[in-house]
Amino acid sequence: MQFVSVRIITGDIARLVEFYEQATGINARWLAEQFAELVGPACTLAIGSAETMALFSPGAAVPGSNRTVILEFLVEDVDRDYERLTNSAAAPEIVQKPTTMPWGNRSLLFRDPDGNLVNFFTPQSAEARARQSR
């Protein structure tokens, strides 16, 4: 088995795709009017409109209602990304400023426009860097 993507269902796909393009620097690949992907080196972030759920099971996913999942992105310099994000016109809601965690990552936690948690992190300790090189 290979884990390849995470999908967010949203009520405003254009807004959410634009947010993630600006936050990550990855250009979205639009596969349909209701579906786009941001393809990174390790995983894909898929974003689908609420309309796409009718193709699966209507009502199974409710846009803007997630309070349990954190999307995590390995970044080169979390402090630099914090400055870039907070100085942008569409600055996200910051949940936690860059903080070094007990497991060796320096993390920035914020919310996307739908309220989903996003963690940008940079390994700081030798052990944390080793975990990312696997």
Protein backbone atom coordinates (compact mmCIF):
# COMPACT_ATOMS: atom_id res chain seq x y z
CA MET A 1 0.00 0.00 0.00
CA GLN A 2 1.18 3.52 -0.74
CA PHE A 3 -0.26 6.63 0.91
CA VAL A 4 -0.45 9.22 -1.90
CA SER A 5 -2.81 12.05 -1.04
CA VAL A 6 -5.07 13.90 1.34
CA ARG A 7 -8.26 15.52 0.06
CA ILE A 8 -10.06 18.50 1.54
CA ILE A 9 -13.71 19.03 0.63
CA THR A 10 -14.62 22.71 0.55
CA GLY A 11 -17.52 25.00 -0.14
CA ASP A 12 -15.23 27.47 -1.98
CA ILE A 13 -12.67 25.60 -4.06
CA ALA A 14 -11.16 28.66 -5.77
CA ARG A 15 -10.47 30.37 -2.43
CA LEU A 16 -8.93 27.27 -0.84
CA VAL A 17 -6.79 26.37 -3.86
CA GLU A 18 -5.47 29.95 -4.02
CA PHE A 19 -4.68 29.85 -0.29
CA TYR A 20 -2.65 26.63 -0.58
CA GLU A 21 -0.87 27.83 -3.72
CA GLN A 22 0.25 30.96 -1.85
CA ALA A 23 1.11 29.10 1.37
CA THR A 24 3.10 26.30 -0.28
CA GLY A 25 4.40 27.87 -3.48
CA ILE A 26 3.03 24.87 -5.42
CA ASN A 27 0.85 25.59 -8.47
CA ALA A 28 -2.38 23.64 -8.55
CA ARG A 29 -3.21 21.26 -11.35
CA TRP A 30 -6.93 21.64 -12.11
CA LEU A 31 -8.38 18.31 -13.27
CA ALA A 32 -11.96 19.58 -13.38
CA GLU A 33 -13.82 22.72 -12.33
CA GLN A 34 -14.59 21.00 -9.01
CA PHE A 35 -11.20 19.34 -8.37
CA ALA A 36 -7.57 20.43 -8.14
CA GLU A 37 -4.33 18.91 -6.90
CA LEU A 38 -1.16 20.41 -5.47
CA VAL A 39 1.45 17.77 -6.19
CA GLY A 40 4.47 17.81 -3.90
CA PRO A 41 7.53 15.57 -3.88
CA ALA A 42 6.15 13.24 -1.19
CA CYS A 43 2.36 13.59 -1.30
CA THR A 44 -0.51 15.30 -3.08
CA LEU A 45 -2.99 17.70 -1.52
CA ALA A 46 -6.26 17.29 -3.39
CA ILE A 47 -9.03 19.86 -3.04
CA GLY A 48 -12.54 19.05 -4.14
CA SER A 49 -15.73 21.06 -4.11
CA ALA A 50 -18.64 19.84 -2.00
CA GLU A 51 -20.29 18.84 -5.31
CA THR A 52 -17.76 16.04 -5.75
CA MET A 53 -19.14 14.22 -2.72
CA ALA A 54 -22.26 13.39 -4.71
CA LEU A 55 -20.02 11.05 -6.72
CA PHE A 56 -19.10 9.15 -3.54
CA SER A 57 -21.66 9.42 -0.78
CA PRO A 58 -23.64 12.65 -0.40
CA GLY A 59 -23.08 14.26 3.00
CA ALA A 60 -20.17 11.99 3.96
CA ALA A 61 -17.84 15.02 4.12
CA VAL A 62 -19.01 18.40 5.37
CA PRO A 63 -16.87 21.40 4.33
CA GLY A 64 -15.37 23.45 7.15
CA SER A 65 -16.21 20.96 9.91
CA ASN A 66 -12.84 19.26 10.50
CA ARG A 67 -11.35 19.75 13.96
CA THR A 68 -9.18 16.63 14.24
CA VAL A 69 -6.66 16.50 11.38
CA ILE A 70 -3.48 18.55 10.92
CA LEU A 71 -1.97 18.85 7.44
CA GLU A 72 1.81 18.91 7.87
CA PHE A 73 4.38 20.37 5.52
CA LEU A 74 8.14 20.02 5.92
CA VAL A 75 9.65 23.45 5.15
CA GLU A 76 13.22 24.71 4.94
CA ASP A 77 12.85 27.55 7.47
CA VAL A 78 9.64 27.75 9.52
CA ASP A 79 10.52 31.19 10.92
CA ARG A 80 10.96 32.63 7.44
CA ASP A 81 7.63 31.10 6.36
CA TYR A 82 5.95 32.56 9.44
CA GLU A 83 7.16 36.05 8.43
CA ARG A 84 6.09 35.51 4.81
CA LEU A 85 2.62 34.24 5.75
CA THR A 86 1.87 36.87 8.38
CA ASN A 87 2.96 39.69 6.07
CA SER A 88 0.79 38.55 3.17
CA ALA A 89 -2.53 40.12 2.24
CA ALA A 90 -4.30 36.82 3.02
CA ALA A 91 -2.55 36.09 6.33
CA PRO A 92 -3.91 32.95 7.99
CA GLU A 93 -5.18 32.67 11.54
CA ILE A 94 -2.10 31.78 13.59
CA VAL A 95 -2.81 29.14 16.22
CA GLN A 96 0.79 28.87 17.47
CA LYS A 97 3.79 30.96 16.48
CA PRO A 98 6.99 29.05 15.64
CA THR A 99 7.82 26.90 18.65
CA THR A 100 10.39 24.17 19.13
CA MET A 101 8.58 20.98 20.14
CA PRO A 102 9.94 18.31 22.52
CA TRP A 103 10.44 15.88 19.58
CA GLY A 104 12.86 18.27 17.84
CA ASN A 105 10.72 20.04 15.24
CA ARG A 106 10.19 23.78 15.12
CA SER A 107 6.50 24.16 14.23
CA LEU A 108 4.11 26.86 13.07
CA LEU A 109 0.42 26.02 13.44
CA PHE A 110 -2.26 27.98 11.56
CA ARG A 111 -5.71 27.56 10.01
CA ASP A 112 -6.65 27.59 6.35
CA PRO A 113 -9.76 29.57 5.27
CA ASP A 114 -11.99 26.54 6.01
CA GLY A 115 -10.58 26.20 9.54
CA ASN A 116 -8.38 23.16 8.87
CA LEU A 117 -5.17 23.07 10.91
CA VAL A 118 -1.89 23.34 9.01
CA ASN A 119 1.55 22.73 10.49
CA PHE A 120 4.70 23.99 8.80
CA PHE A 121 7.71 22.44 10.52
CA THR A 122 11.48 22.36 10.29
CA PRO A 123 13.51 19.64 12.04
CA GLN A 124 15.94 21.20 14.53
CA SER A 125 17.61 18.29 16.33
CA ALA A 126 19.80 15.65 14.75
CA GLU A 127 17.18 13.02 15.62
CA ALA A 128 14.39 15.02 13.97
CA ARG A 129 16.46 15.55 10.83
CA ALA A 130 17.25 11.81 10.71
CA ARG A 131 13.53 10.95 10.88
CA GLN A 132 12.89 13.12 7.81
CA SER A 133 15.66 11.56 5.74
CA ARG A 134 14.07 8.11 5.72
